[in-house]
């Protein structure tokens, strides 16, 4: 049995202290989780449920959970072993997608080597599809490469993810019918965090393409150690067939977790470009041509992993706001106001 925080009706009511008055796009903010590290919460296509990752007792590392959008009926849907990441719903809500290291070891992998500075580990994740309750799990990948950051196409016939299988960090599309893998990027560097637009016409992602010899050498050195430094990331968009792509942001800093707003005119994302120390992350909006940058949140530490519901009426994200202990990250949901 997994530990789940008790359902607190009072805690799910809108609370004024959860919101900065400058956050004019957000209304009726509600906190859905209470304690631990909770992140990457993504809507089901019908907008009624969320899938998210959480480190909470008795588990030693992130596992995948589902819940209703009011925070109730929290259920473990991964195995409780290894480390898991990047859950996502199929369009019909009957299947889920996530990545896990439990094929390699029941114990979570050790943390990355911090002597290299702030780096992300490229763990040997395998990509899995399972029923919505976690049963009848099937592996999509069978190698020891990094295979994570996955999402379904709105038609449900394709999966988009990030992989190191080609000796770089690239976007890959997997066709569930033909079982064919298609490489979508070939620029040296990190291409990751991809999502289809709600209508399936575009892919939005984050990228770092080293240019100088020193940057290229450092990227390749870290890649051999299965590490990547995420301090320089910009937003990119490509057409769903991969034939046309363009850089959206040129902000500096780490710009990540982009998600396209319904209508394909704007991207919401997390960024620290506005903080000279690089420690504060907030949510921003930007037009697909790079204009119209607008700040959405004002939390003093971290706001990230935003996602609009399919109808564009709600926003879900992870935040350090209202944390009871340092580093606590919880899931929040709000009504979106134009």
C-alpha atoms as a PDB file:
ATOM      1  CA  UNK A   1       0.000   0.000   0.000  1.00  0.00           C
ATOM      2  CA  UNK A   2       1.284   3.453  -0.816  1.00  0.00           C
ATOM      3  CA  UNK A   3       1.006   6.453   1.461  1.00  0.00           C
ATOM      4  CA  UNK A   4      -1.369   9.108   0.158  1.00  0.00           C
ATOM      5  CA  UNK A   5      -2.050  12.392   1.939  1.00  0.00           C
ATOM      6  CA  UNK A   6      -5.567  12.572   3.348  1.00  0.00           C
ATOM      7  CA  UNK A   7      -8.167  14.284   1.228  1.00  0.00           C
ATOM      8  CA  UNK A   8      -8.644  17.740   2.727  1.00  0.00           C
ATOM      9  CA  UNK A   9     -11.803  19.437   1.557  1.00  0.00           C
ATOM     10  CA  UNK A  10     -10.873  22.714   3.181  1.00  0.00           C
ATOM     11  CA  UNK A  11      -7.438  22.721   1.559  1.00  0.00           C
ATOM     12  CA  UNK A  12      -8.953  22.384  -1.904  1.00  0.00           C
ATOM     13  CA  UNK A  13     -10.965  25.578  -1.613  1.00  0.00           C
ATOM     14  CA  UNK A  14      -9.535  28.708  -3.263  1.00  0.00           C
ATOM     15  CA  UNK A  15      -7.071  30.391  -0.899  1.00  0.00           C
ATOM     16  CA  UNK A  16      -6.021  34.000  -1.295  1.00  0.00           C
ATOM     17  CA  UNK A  17      -2.524  33.281   0.072  1.00  0.00           C
ATOM     18  CA  UNK A  18      -1.816  30.959  -2.852  1.00  0.00           C
ATOM     19  CA  UNK A  19      -1.865  33.827  -5.338  1.00  0.00           C
ATOM     20  CA  UNK A  20       0.169  36.941  -5.978  1.00  0.00           C
ATOM     21  CA  UNK A  21      -2.133  39.834  -6.967  1.00  0.00           C
ATOM     22  CA  UNK A  22      -0.046  40.363 -10.112  1.00  0.00           C
ATOM     23  CA  UNK A  23      -1.081  36.928 -11.444  1.00  0.00           C
ATOM     24  CA  UNK A  24      -4.006  38.361 -13.367  1.00  0.00           C
ATOM     25  CA  UNK A  25      -4.447  35.360 -15.696  1.00  0.00           C
ATOM     26  CA  UNK A  26      -5.115  33.016 -12.776  1.00  0.00           C
ATOM     27  CA  UNK A  27      -8.297  32.700 -10.739  1.00  0.00           C
ATOM     28  CA  UNK A  28      -9.426  30.242  -8.044  1.00  0.00           C
ATOM     29  CA  UNK A  29      -6.006  28.681  -7.493  1.00  0.00           C
ATOM     30  CA  UNK A  30      -6.295  25.331  -5.744  1.00  0.00           C
ATOM     31  CA  UNK A  31      -3.546  23.212  -4.212  1.00  0.00           C
ATOM     32  CA  UNK A  32      -3.953  19.540  -5.111  1.00  0.00           C
ATOM     33  CA  UNK A  33      -1.027  17.864  -3.311  1.00  0.00           C
ATOM     34  CA  UNK A  34       0.384  18.493   0.150  1.00  0.00           C
ATOM     35  CA  UNK A  35       3.979  17.569   0.903  1.00  0.00           C
ATOM     36  CA  UNK A  36       6.822  15.815  -0.860  1.00  0.00           C
ATOM     37  CA  UNK A  37       8.010  16.465  -4.392  1.00  0.00           C
ATOM     38  CA  UNK A  38       5.197  16.528  -6.942  1.00  0.00           C
ATOM     39  CA  UNK A  39       5.631  17.612 -10.555  1.00  0.00           C
ATOM     40  CA  UNK A  40       4.768  17.148 -14.229  1.00  0.00           C
ATOM     41  CA  UNK A  41       0.996  16.974 -13.813  1.00  0.00           C
ATOM     42  CA  UNK A  42      -0.757  16.617 -17.177  1.00  0.00           C
ATOM     43  CA  UNK A  43      -4.459  16.705 -18.072  1.00  0.00           C
ATOM     44  CA  UNK A  44      -6.340  13.819 -19.585  1.00  0.00           C
ATOM     45  CA  UNK A  45      -7.904  14.731 -22.929  1.00  0.00           C
ATOM     46  CA  UNK A  46     -11.366  15.096 -21.350  1.00  0.00           C
ATOM     47  CA  UNK A  47      -9.935  17.410 -18.656  1.00  0.00           C
ATOM     48  CA  UNK A  48     -11.237  15.302 -15.765  1.00  0.00           C
ATOM     49  CA  UNK A  49      -8.032  13.674 -14.529  1.00  0.00           C
ATOM     50  CA  UNK A  50      -4.339  14.353 -14.039  1.00  0.00           C
ATOM     51  CA  UNK A  51      -1.305  12.101 -14.217  1.00  0.00           C
ATOM     52  CA  UNK A  52       1.782  13.213 -12.271  1.00  0.00           C
ATOM     53  CA  UNK A  53       5.040  12.067 -10.714  1.00  0.00           C
ATOM     54  CA  UNK A  54       5.689  12.195  -6.989  1.00  0.00           C
ATOM     55  CA  UNK A  55       8.282  11.230  -4.419  1.00  0.00           C
ATOM     56  CA  UNK A  56       6.403  10.360  -1.231  1.00  0.00           C
ATOM     57  CA  UNK A  57       6.624   7.680   1.481  1.00  0.00           C
ATOM     58  CA  UNK A  58       7.167   4.780   1.273  1.00  0.00           C
ATOM     59  CA  UNK A  59       8.846   5.258  -2.113  1.00  0.00           C
ATOM     60  CA  UNK A  60      12.459   6.319  -2.470  1.00  0.00           C
ATOM     61  CA  UNK A  61      12.078   8.093  -5.813  1.00  0.00           C
ATOM     62  CA  UNK A  62       9.473   9.439  -8.207  1.00  0.00           C
ATOM     63  CA  UNK A  63       6.570   7.170  -9.090  1.00  0.00           C
ATOM     64  CA  UNK A  64       3.591   7.837 -11.360  1.00  0.00           C
ATOM     65  CA  UNK A  65       0.159   8.615  -9.905  1.00  0.00           C
ATOM     66  CA  UNK A  66      -3.233   9.667 -11.230  1.00  0.00           C
ATOM     67  CA  UNK A  67      -5.921  11.762  -9.547  1.00  0.00           C
ATOM     68  CA  UNK A  68      -9.067  13.719 -10.265  1.00  0.00           C
ATOM     69  CA  UNK A  69      -8.632  17.429 -10.966  1.00  0.00           C
ATOM     70  CA  UNK A  70      -9.937  18.240  -7.468  1.00  0.00           C
ATOM     71  CA  UNK A  71      -7.070  16.252  -5.935  1.00  0.00           C
ATOM     72  CA  UNK A  72      -9.182  13.256  -4.925  1.00  0.00           C
ATOM     73  CA  UNK A  73      -8.804   9.548  -5.759  1.00  0.00           C
ATOM     74  CA  UNK A  74      -4.994   9.487  -5.906  1.00  0.00           C
ATOM     75  CA  UNK A  75      -3.763   6.169  -7.299  1.00  0.00           C
ATOM     76  CA  UNK A  76      -0.340   4.654  -7.869  1.00  0.00           C
ATOM     77  CA  UNK A  77      -0.099   3.429 -11.485  1.00  0.00           C
ATOM     78  CA  UNK A  78       3.627   2.611 -11.755  1.00  0.00           C
ATOM     79  CA  UNK A  79       5.316  -0.357 -10.086  1.00  0.00           C
ATOM     80  CA  UNK A  80       6.693   1.452  -7.034  1.00  0.00           C
ATOM     81  CA  UNK A  81      10.217   0.437  -8.072  1.00  0.00           C
ATOM     82  CA  UNK A  82      13.121   2.254  -9.677  1.00  0.00           C
ATOM     83  CA  UNK A  83      12.612   5.874 -10.694  1.00  0.00           C
ATOM     84  CA  UNK A  84       9.779   6.991 -12.982  1.00  0.00           C
ATOM     85  CA  UNK A  85       9.114  10.146 -14.954  1.00  0.00           C
ATOM     86  CA  UNK A  86       6.944  11.853 -17.558  1.00  0.00           C
ATOM     87  CA  UNK A  87       3.477  10.314 -17.343  1.00  0.00           C
ATOM     88  CA  UNK A  88       0.933  11.100 -20.065  1.00  0.00           C
ATOM     89  CA  UNK A  89      -2.609  10.044 -21.054  1.00  0.00           C
ATOM     90  CA  UNK A  90      -3.763   8.457 -24.288  1.00  0.00           C
ATOM     91  CA  UNK A  91      -6.549  10.458 -25.992  1.00  0.00           C
ATOM     92  CA  UNK A  92      -9.250   7.959 -24.973  1.00  0.00           C
ATOM     93  CA  UNK A  93      -8.060   7.912 -21.360  1.00  0.00           C
ATOM     94  CA  UNK A  94      -7.732   4.130 -21.368  1.00  0.00           C
ATOM     95  CA  UNK A  95      -3.938   3.997 -21.522  1.00  0.00           C
ATOM     96  CA  UNK A  96      -1.018   5.817 -19.931  1.00  0.00           C
ATOM     97  CA  UNK A  97       2.573   6.414 -20.980  1.00  0.00           C
ATOM     98  CA  UNK A  98       5.580   6.824 -18.709  1.00  0.00           C
ATOM     99  CA  UNK A  99       9.279   6.012 -18.377  1.00  0.00           C
ATOM    100  CA  UNK A 100      10.964   3.938 -15.687  1.00  0.00           C
ATOM    101  CA  UNK A 101      14.319   2.497 -14.634  1.00  0.00           C
ATOM    102  CA  UNK A 102      12.687  -0.457 -12.822  1.00  0.00           C
ATOM    103  CA  UNK A 103      13.742  -2.831 -15.651  1.00  0.00           C
ATOM    104  CA  UNK A 104      17.331  -2.187 -14.635  1.00  0.00           C
ATOM    105  CA  UNK A 105      17.019  -2.196 -10.843  1.00  0.00           C
ATOM    106  CA  UNK A 106      14.298  -2.118  -8.196  1.00  0.00           C
ATOM    107  CA  UNK A 107      16.400   0.501  -6.395  1.00  0.00           C
ATOM    108  CA  UNK A 108      16.439   4.081  -7.728  1.00  0.00           C
ATOM    109  CA  UNK A 109      19.619   5.158  -9.539  1.00  0.00           C
ATOM    110  CA  UNK A 110      22.045   7.272  -7.478  1.00  0.00           C
ATOM    111  CA  UNK A 111      21.925  11.070  -7.874  1.00  0.00           C
ATOM    112  CA  UNK A 112      24.126  12.651 -10.567  1.00  0.00           C
ATOM    113  CA  UNK A 113      27.738  13.592  -9.917  1.00  0.00           C
ATOM    114  CA  UNK A 114      27.490  17.150  -8.563  1.00  0.00           C
ATOM    115  CA  UNK A 115      31.227  17.641  -9.063  1.00  0.00           C
ATOM    116  CA  UNK A 116      30.143  18.393 -12.641  1.00  0.00           C
ATOM    117  CA  UNK A 117      27.976  21.289 -11.395  1.00  0.00           C
ATOM    118  CA  UNK A 118      24.218  21.376 -11.875  1.00  0.00           C
ATOM    119  CA  UNK A 119      23.469  18.613 -14.369  1.00  0.00           C
ATOM    120  CA  UNK A 120      20.571  16.346 -15.296  1.00  0.00           C
ATOM    121  CA  UNK A 121      21.237  12.588 -15.428  1.00  0.00           C
ATOM    122  CA  UNK A 122      20.370  10.758 -18.623  1.00  0.00           C
ATOM    123  CA  UNK A 123      19.194   7.635 -16.829  1.00  0.00           C
ATOM    124  CA  UNK A 124      18.530   4.317 -18.593  1.00  0.00           C
ATOM    125  CA  UNK A 125      14.792   4.923 -18.799  1.00  0.00           C
ATOM    126  CA  UNK A 126      12.603   2.640 -20.860  1.00  0.00           C
ATOM    127  CA  UNK A 127       9.306   3.881 -22.243  1.00  0.00           C
ATOM    128  CA  UNK A 128       6.153   1.976 -21.289  1.00  0.00           C
ATOM    129  CA  UNK A 129       2.475   1.980 -22.211  1.00  0.00           C
ATOM    130  CA  UNK A 130      -0.033   0.488 -19.758  1.00  0.00           C
ATOM    131  CA  UNK A 131      -3.712   0.476 -18.953  1.00  0.00           C
ATOM    132  CA  UNK A 132      -4.915   3.517 -17.009  1.00  0.00           C
ATOM    133  CA  UNK A 133      -4.644   1.559 -13.746  1.00  0.00           C
ATOM    134  CA  UNK A 134      -1.058   0.524 -14.539  1.00  0.00           C
ATOM    135  CA  UNK A 135      -1.865  -3.062 -15.534  1.00  0.00           C
ATOM    136  CA  UNK A 136      -0.746  -4.883 -18.689  1.00  0.00           C
ATOM    137  CA  UNK A 137       2.359  -2.758 -19.117  1.00  0.00           C
ATOM    138  CA  UNK A 138       4.207  -3.055 -22.420  1.00  0.00           C
ATOM    139  CA  UNK A 139       7.697  -1.744 -23.216  1.00  0.00           C
ATOM    140  CA  UNK A 140       8.039   0.546 -26.231  1.00  0.00           C
ATOM    141  CA  UNK A 141      11.859   0.660 -26.010  1.00  0.00           C
ATOM    142  CA  UNK A 142      14.202  -2.180 -25.065  1.00  0.00           C
ATOM    143  CA  UNK A 143      17.652  -0.583 -24.910  1.00  0.00           C
ATOM    144  CA  UNK A 144      19.612   1.151 -22.141  1.00  0.00           C
ATOM    145  CA  UNK A 145      19.466   4.612 -23.741  1.00  0.00           C
ATOM    146  CA  UNK A 146      17.652   7.544 -22.187  1.00  0.00           C
ATOM    147  CA  UNK A 147      14.053   7.221 -23.431  1.00  0.00           C
ATOM    148  CA  UNK A 148      11.792   9.672 -21.625  1.00  0.00           C
ATOM    149  CA  UNK A 149       9.775  12.908 -21.873  1.00  0.00           C
ATOM    150  CA  UNK A 150       7.020  11.085 -23.761  1.00  0.00           C
ATOM    151  CA  UNK A 151       3.567  12.203 -24.918  1.00  0.00           C
ATOM    152  CA  UNK A 152       0.761  10.909 -27.138  1.00  0.00           C
ATOM    153  CA  UNK A 153      -0.352  12.402 -30.439  1.00  0.00           C
ATOM    154  CA  UNK A 154      -3.983  13.631 -30.229  1.00  0.00           C
ATOM    155  CA  UNK A 155      -5.015  10.826 -32.602  1.00  0.00           C
ATOM    156  CA  UNK A 156      -3.442   8.259 -30.287  1.00  0.00           C
ATOM    157  CA  UNK A 157      -1.468   6.507 -33.016  1.00  0.00           C
ATOM    158  CA  UNK A 158       1.967   8.015 -32.294  1.00  0.00           C
ATOM    159  CA  UNK A 159       4.233   8.709 -29.336  1.00  0.00           C
ATOM    160  CA  UNK A 160       6.748  11.546 -29.115  1.00  0.00           C
ATOM    161  CA  UNK A 161       9.753  11.291 -26.798  1.00  0.00           C
ATOM    162  CA  UNK A 162      13.393  12.219 -26.164  1.00  0.00           C
ATOM    163  CA  UNK A 163      16.154   9.673 -26.699  1.00  0.00           C
ATOM    164  CA  UNK A 164      19.932   9.221 -26.767  1.00  0.00           C
ATOM    165  CA  UNK A 165      19.753   6.169 -29.051  1.00  0.00           C
ATOM    166  CA  UNK A 166      21.530   7.987 -31.899  1.00  0.00           C
ATOM    167  CA  UNK A 167      24.449   9.298 -29.828  1.00  0.00           C
ATOM    168  CA  UNK A 168      22.892  12.718 -29.384  1.00  0.00           C
ATOM    169  CA  UNK A 169      19.820  13.942 -27.458  1.00  0.00           C
ATOM    170  CA  UNK A 170      17.040  13.928 -30.025  1.00  0.00           C
ATOM    171  CA  UNK A 171      13.308  13.929 -30.532  1.00  0.00           C
ATOM    172  CA  UNK A 172      11.845  10.665 -31.771  1.00  0.00           C
ATOM    173  CA  UNK A 173       8.386   9.687 -32.949  1.00  0.00           C
ATOM    174  CA  UNK A 174       7.157   6.115 -32.541  1.00  0.00           C
ATOM    175  CA  UNK A 175       4.271   4.823 -34.662  1.00  0.00           C
ATOM    176  CA  UNK A 176       2.163   2.427 -32.599  1.00  0.00           C
ATOM    177  CA  UNK A 177       0.786   0.749 -35.735  1.00  0.00           C
ATOM    178  CA  UNK A 178       3.945   0.218 -37.756  1.00  0.00           C
ATOM    179  CA  UNK A 179       6.283   0.062 -34.712  1.00  0.00           C
ATOM    180  CA  UNK A 180       8.668   2.353 -36.580  1.00  0.00           C
ATOM    181  CA  UNK A 181      10.941   4.906 -34.884  1.00  0.00           C
ATOM    182  CA  UNK A 182      11.507   8.190 -36.744  1.00  0.00           C
ATOM    183  CA  UNK A 183      14.254  10.641 -35.796  1.00  0.00           C
ATOM    184  CA  UNK A 184      12.896  14.203 -35.870  1.00  0.00           C
ATOM    185  CA  UNK A 185      16.016  16.215 -34.932  1.00  0.00           C
ATOM    186  CA  UNK A 186      19.650  15.962 -35.895  1.00  0.00           C
ATOM    187  CA  UNK A 187      21.188  19.178 -34.551  1.00  0.00           C
ATOM    188  CA  UNK A 188      24.038  18.468 -32.150  1.00  0.00           C
ATOM    189  CA  UNK A 189      22.891  19.156 -28.616  1.00  0.00           C
ATOM    190  CA  UNK A 190      19.897  18.653 -26.403  1.00  0.00           C
ATOM    191  CA  UNK A 191      16.474  18.520 -28.058  1.00  0.00           C
ATOM    192  CA  UNK A 192      13.844  17.538 -25.507  1.00  0.00           C
ATOM    193  CA  UNK A 193      10.635  18.058 -23.563  1.00  0.00           C
ATOM    194  CA  UNK A 194       8.417  17.731 -26.664  1.00  0.00           C
ATOM    195  CA  UNK A 195       4.642  18.014 -26.796  1.00  0.00           C
ATOM    196  CA  UNK A 196       2.227  17.983 -29.700  1.00  0.00           C
ATOM    197  CA  UNK A 197      -0.196  20.862 -29.947  1.00  0.00           C
ATOM    198  CA  UNK A 198      -3.747  19.860 -29.000  1.00  0.00           C
ATOM    199  CA  UNK A 199      -4.679  19.616 -32.712  1.00  0.00           C
ATOM    200  CA  UNK A 200      -1.527  17.650 -33.573  1.00  0.00           C
ATOM    201  CA  UNK A 201      -0.249  20.185 -36.116  1.00  0.00           C
ATOM    202  CA  UNK A 202       2.877  21.305 -34.249  1.00  0.00           C
ATOM    203  CA  UNK A 203       5.513  20.081 -31.831  1.00  0.00           C
ATOM    204  CA  UNK A 204       6.926  22.425 -29.190  1.00  0.00           C
ATOM    205  CA  UNK A 205      10.184  21.582 -27.440  1.00  0.00           C
ATOM    206  CA  UNK A 206      13.254  22.965 -25.689  1.00  0.00           C
ATOM    207  CA  UNK A 207      16.764  22.844 -27.100  1.00  0.00           C
ATOM    208  CA  UNK A 208      20.406  23.682 -26.555  1.00  0.00           C
ATOM    209  CA  UNK A 209      22.696  23.574 -29.586  1.00  0.00           C
ATOM    210  CA  UNK A 210      26.337  24.236 -28.654  1.00  0.00           C
ATOM    211  CA  UNK A 211      28.190  26.451 -31.125  1.00  0.00           C
ATOM    212  CA  UNK A 212      31.745  27.108 -29.982  1.00  0.00           C
ATOM    213  CA  UNK A 213      34.410  24.415 -29.810  1.00  0.00           C
ATOM    214  CA  UNK A 214      34.459  24.698 -26.008  1.00  0.00           C
ATOM    215  CA  UNK A 215      30.668  24.297 -25.800  1.00  0.00           C
ATOM    216  CA  UNK A 216      30.681  21.323 -28.165  1.00  0.00           C
ATOM    217  CA  UNK A 217      33.491  19.598 -26.266  1.00  0.00           C
ATOM    218  CA  UNK A 218      31.759  20.093 -22.911  1.00  0.00           C
ATOM    219  CA  UNK A 219      28.427  18.828 -24.240  1.00  0.00           C
ATOM    220  CA  UNK A 220      30.039  15.714 -25.708  1.00  0.00           C
ATOM    221  CA  UNK A 221      32.091  15.093 -22.561  1.00  0.00           C
ATOM    222  CA  UNK A 222      28.996  15.240 -20.345  1.00  0.00           C
ATOM    223  CA  UNK A 223      27.004  13.131 -22.787  1.00  0.00           C
ATOM    224  CA  UNK A 224      29.580  10.332 -22.453  1.00  0.00           C
ATOM    225  CA  UNK A 225      28.956  10.530 -18.695  1.00  0.00           C
ATOM    226  CA  UNK A 226      25.184  10.360 -19.357  1.00  0.00           C
ATOM    227  CA  UNK A 227      24.746  13.939 -18.170  1.00  0.00           C
ATOM    228  CA  UNK A 228      23.484  17.185 -19.668  1.00  0.00           C
ATOM    229  CA  UNK A 229      23.761  20.718 -18.332  1.00  0.00           C
ATOM    230  CA  UNK A 230      20.344  22.451 -18.638  1.00  0.00           C
ATOM    231  CA  UNK A 231      21.453  26.015 -17.896  1.00  0.00           C
ATOM    232  CA  UNK A 232      21.004  27.206 -21.504  1.00  0.00           C
ATOM    233  CA  UNK A 233      17.721  26.192 -23.126  1.00  0.00           C
ATOM    234  CA  UNK A 234      15.527  27.994 -25.648  1.00  0.00           C
ATOM    235  CA  UNK A 235      12.074  27.225 -27.053  1.00  0.00           C
ATOM    236  CA  UNK A 236      11.594  25.714 -30.496  1.00  0.00           C
ATOM    237  CA  UNK A 237       8.605  24.722 -32.646  1.00  0.00           C
ATOM    238  CA  UNK A 238       8.392  22.356 -35.597  1.00  0.00           C
ATOM    239  CA  UNK A 239       5.575  21.164 -37.797  1.00  0.00           C
ATOM    240  CA  UNK A 240       4.394  17.706 -36.757  1.00  0.00           C
ATOM    241  CA  UNK A 241       6.099  16.100 -39.773  1.00  0.00           C
ATOM    242  CA  UNK A 242       9.425  17.626 -38.725  1.00  0.00           C
ATOM    243  CA  UNK A 243       9.932  19.370 -42.080  1.00  0.00           C
ATOM    244  CA  UNK A 244       9.876  22.974 -40.808  1.00  0.00           C
ATOM    245  CA  UNK A 245      11.247  24.207 -37.502  1.00  0.00           C
ATOM    246  CA  UNK A 246      12.163  27.524 -35.944  1.00  0.00           C
ATOM    247  CA  UNK A 247      13.567  28.995 -32.754  1.00  0.00           C
ATOM    248  CA  UNK A 248      10.937  30.897 -30.771  1.00  0.00           C
ATOM    249  CA  UNK A 249      12.817  32.383 -27.811  1.00  0.00           C
ATOM    250  CA  UNK A 250      16.196  34.079 -27.492  1.00  0.00           C
ATOM    251  CA  UNK A 251      15.984  34.981 -23.822  1.00  0.00           C
ATOM    252  CA  UNK A 252      19.093  33.427 -22.317  1.00  0.00           C
ATOM    253  CA  UNK A 253      18.998  31.297 -19.205  1.00  0.00           C
ATOM    254  CA  UNK A 254      16.974  28.105 -18.884  1.00  0.00           C
ATOM    255  CA  UNK A 255      13.670  28.163 -20.724  1.00  0.00           C
ATOM    256  CA  UNK A 256      11.940  24.805 -20.465  1.00  0.00           C
ATOM    257  CA  UNK A 257       8.663  22.862 -20.053  1.00  0.00           C
ATOM    258  CA  UNK A 258       6.916  24.557 -23.002  1.00  0.00           C
ATOM    259  CA  UNK A 259       3.315  23.727 -23.804  1.00  0.00           C
ATOM    260  CA  UNK A 260       1.287  25.211 -26.640  1.00  0.00           C
ATOM    261  CA  UNK A 261      -1.891  27.046 -25.766  1.00  0.00           C
ATOM    262  CA  UNK A 262      -4.995  25.842 -27.661  1.00  0.00           C
ATOM    263  CA  UNK A 263      -5.253  27.840 -30.889  1.00  0.00           C
ATOM    264  CA  UNK A 264      -1.490  27.520 -31.606  1.00  0.00           C
ATOM    265  CA  UNK A 265      -0.716  31.198 -31.121  1.00  0.00           C
ATOM    266  CA  UNK A 266       1.109  31.154 -27.795  1.00  0.00           C
ATOM    267  CA  UNK A 267       3.389  28.956 -25.699  1.00  0.00           C
ATOM    268  CA  UNK A 268       3.417  28.847 -21.916  1.00  0.00           C
ATOM    269  CA  UNK A 269       6.731  27.856 -20.343  1.00  0.00           C
ATOM    270  CA  UNK A 270       8.979  28.151 -17.286  1.00  0.00           C
ATOM    271  CA  UNK A 271      12.051  30.375 -17.245  1.00  0.00           C
ATOM    272  CA  UNK A 272      14.719  31.915 -15.017  1.00  0.00           C
ATOM    273  CA  UNK A 273      15.912  34.430 -17.617  1.00  0.00           C
ATOM    274  CA  UNK A 274      14.586  37.331 -15.526  1.00  0.00           C
ATOM    275  CA  UNK A 275      16.622  36.411 -12.418  1.00  0.00           C
ATOM    276  CA  UNK A 276      20.314  37.428 -12.535  1.00  0.00           C
ATOM    277  CA  UNK A 277      21.081  34.595 -10.074  1.00  0.00           C
ATOM    278  CA  UNK A 278      19.153  32.075 -12.169  1.00  0.00           C
ATOM    279  CA  UNK A 279      17.355  30.668  -9.135  1.00  0.00           C
ATOM    280  CA  UNK A 280      13.800  31.939  -9.577  1.00  0.00           C
ATOM    281  CA  UNK A 281      11.623  30.194 -12.169  1.00  0.00           C
ATOM    282  CA  UNK A 282       8.271  31.632 -13.212  1.00  0.00           C
ATOM    283  CA  UNK A 283       5.735  30.962 -15.939  1.00  0.00           C
ATOM    284  CA  UNK A 284       5.664  33.110 -19.081  1.00  0.00           C
ATOM    285  CA  UNK A 285       3.660  33.374 -22.279  1.00  0.00           C
ATOM    286  CA  UNK A 286       5.256  34.017 -25.668  1.00  0.00           C
ATOM    287  CA  UNK A 287       3.928  34.174 -29.221  1.00  0.00           C
ATOM    288  CA  UNK A 288       5.111  31.586 -31.734  1.00  0.00           C
ATOM    289  CA  UNK A 289       7.156  34.252 -33.534  1.00  0.00           C
ATOM    290  CA  UNK A 290       8.988  35.188 -30.325  1.00  0.00           C
ATOM    291  CA  UNK A 291       7.065  38.404 -29.644  1.00  0.00           C
ATOM    292  CA  UNK A 292       4.624  39.302 -26.873  1.00  0.00           C
ATOM    293  CA  UNK A 293       6.557  37.923 -23.882  1.00  0.00           C
ATOM    294  CA  UNK A 294       4.363  38.155 -20.774  1.00  0.00           C
ATOM    295  CA  UNK A 295       5.008  37.033 -17.216  1.00  0.00           C
ATOM    296  CA  UNK A 296       2.263  34.872 -15.677  1.00  0.00           C
ATOM    297  CA  UNK A 297       3.455  33.906 -12.162  1.00  0.00           C
ATOM    298  CA  UNK A 298       5.475  35.627  -9.448  1.00  0.00           C
ATOM    299  CA  UNK A 299       6.473  32.910  -6.994  1.00  0.00           C
ATOM    300  CA  UNK A 300       9.780  33.642  -5.268  1.00  0.00           C
ATOM    301  CA  UNK A 301      11.278  30.208  -6.009  1.00  0.00           C
ATOM    302  CA  UNK A 302       9.807  27.838  -8.609  1.00  0.00           C
ATOM    303  CA  UNK A 303       6.824  27.603 -10.940  1.00  0.00           C
ATOM    304  CA  UNK A 304       7.119  25.036 -13.730  1.00  0.00           C
ATOM    305  CA  UNK A 305       5.639  22.279 -15.888  1.00  0.00           C
ATOM    306  CA  UNK A 306       2.539  24.222 -17.017  1.00  0.00           C
ATOM    307  CA  UNK A 307      -0.194  22.660 -19.147  1.00  0.00           C
ATOM    308  CA  UNK A 308      -3.453  24.062 -20.483  1.00  0.00           C
ATOM    309  CA  UNK A 309      -6.545  21.891 -20.540  1.00  0.00           C
ATOM    310  CA  UNK A 310      -7.789  21.078 -24.026  1.00  0.00           C
ATOM    311  CA  UNK A 311     -10.521  23.745 -23.811  1.00  0.00           C
ATOM    312  CA  UNK A 312      -7.989  26.316 -22.568  1.00  0.00           C
ATOM    313  CA  UNK A 313     -10.054  27.109 -19.479  1.00  0.00           C
ATOM    314  CA  UNK A 314      -7.717  25.650 -16.857  1.00  0.00           C
ATOM    315  CA  UNK A 315      -4.000  25.628 -16.168  1.00  0.00           C
ATOM    316  CA  UNK A 316      -2.130  23.065 -14.066  1.00  0.00           C
ATOM    317  CA  UNK A 317       1.480  23.461 -12.915  1.00  0.00           C
ATOM    318  CA  UNK A 318       3.986  22.624 -10.155  1.00  0.00           C
ATOM    319  CA  UNK A 319       5.096  25.238  -7.647  1.00  0.00           C
ATOM    320  CA  UNK A 320       6.998  25.874  -4.423  1.00  0.00           C
ATOM    321  CA  UNK A 321       4.296  28.331  -3.307  1.00  0.00           C
ATOM    322  CA  UNK A 322       2.728  27.627   0.082  1.00  0.00           C
ATOM    323  CA  UNK A 323       5.487  25.094   0.857  1.00  0.00           C
ATOM    324  CA  UNK A 324       5.699  23.942   4.470  1.00  0.00           C
ATOM    325  CA  UNK A 325       9.325  22.832   4.131  1.00  0.00           C
ATOM    326  CA  UNK A 326      12.146  24.030   1.891  1.00  0.00           C
ATOM    327  CA  UNK A 327      12.110  22.384  -1.506  1.00  0.00           C
ATOM    328  CA  UNK A 328       8.560  21.082  -1.201  1.00  0.00           C
ATOM    329  CA  UNK A 329       6.859  21.134  -4.592  1.00  0.00           C
ATOM    330  CA  UNK A 330       3.125  20.693  -5.092  1.00  0.00           C
ATOM    331  CA  UNK A 331       0.579  20.615  -7.896  1.00  0.00           C
ATOM    332  CA  UNK A 332      -1.745  23.580  -8.412  1.00  0.00           C
ATOM    333  CA  UNK A 333      -4.681  24.186 -10.718  1.00  0.00           C
ATOM    334  CA  UNK A 334      -6.417  27.443 -11.636  1.00  0.00           C
ATOM    335  CA  UNK A 335      -9.029  28.878 -13.939  1.00  0.00           C
ATOM    336  CA  UNK A 336      -7.433  30.772 -16.837  1.00  0.00           C
ATOM    337  CA  UNK A 337      -8.497  34.370 -17.408  1.00  0.00           C
ATOM    338  CA  UNK A 338      -7.685  36.264 -20.611  1.00  0.00           C
END
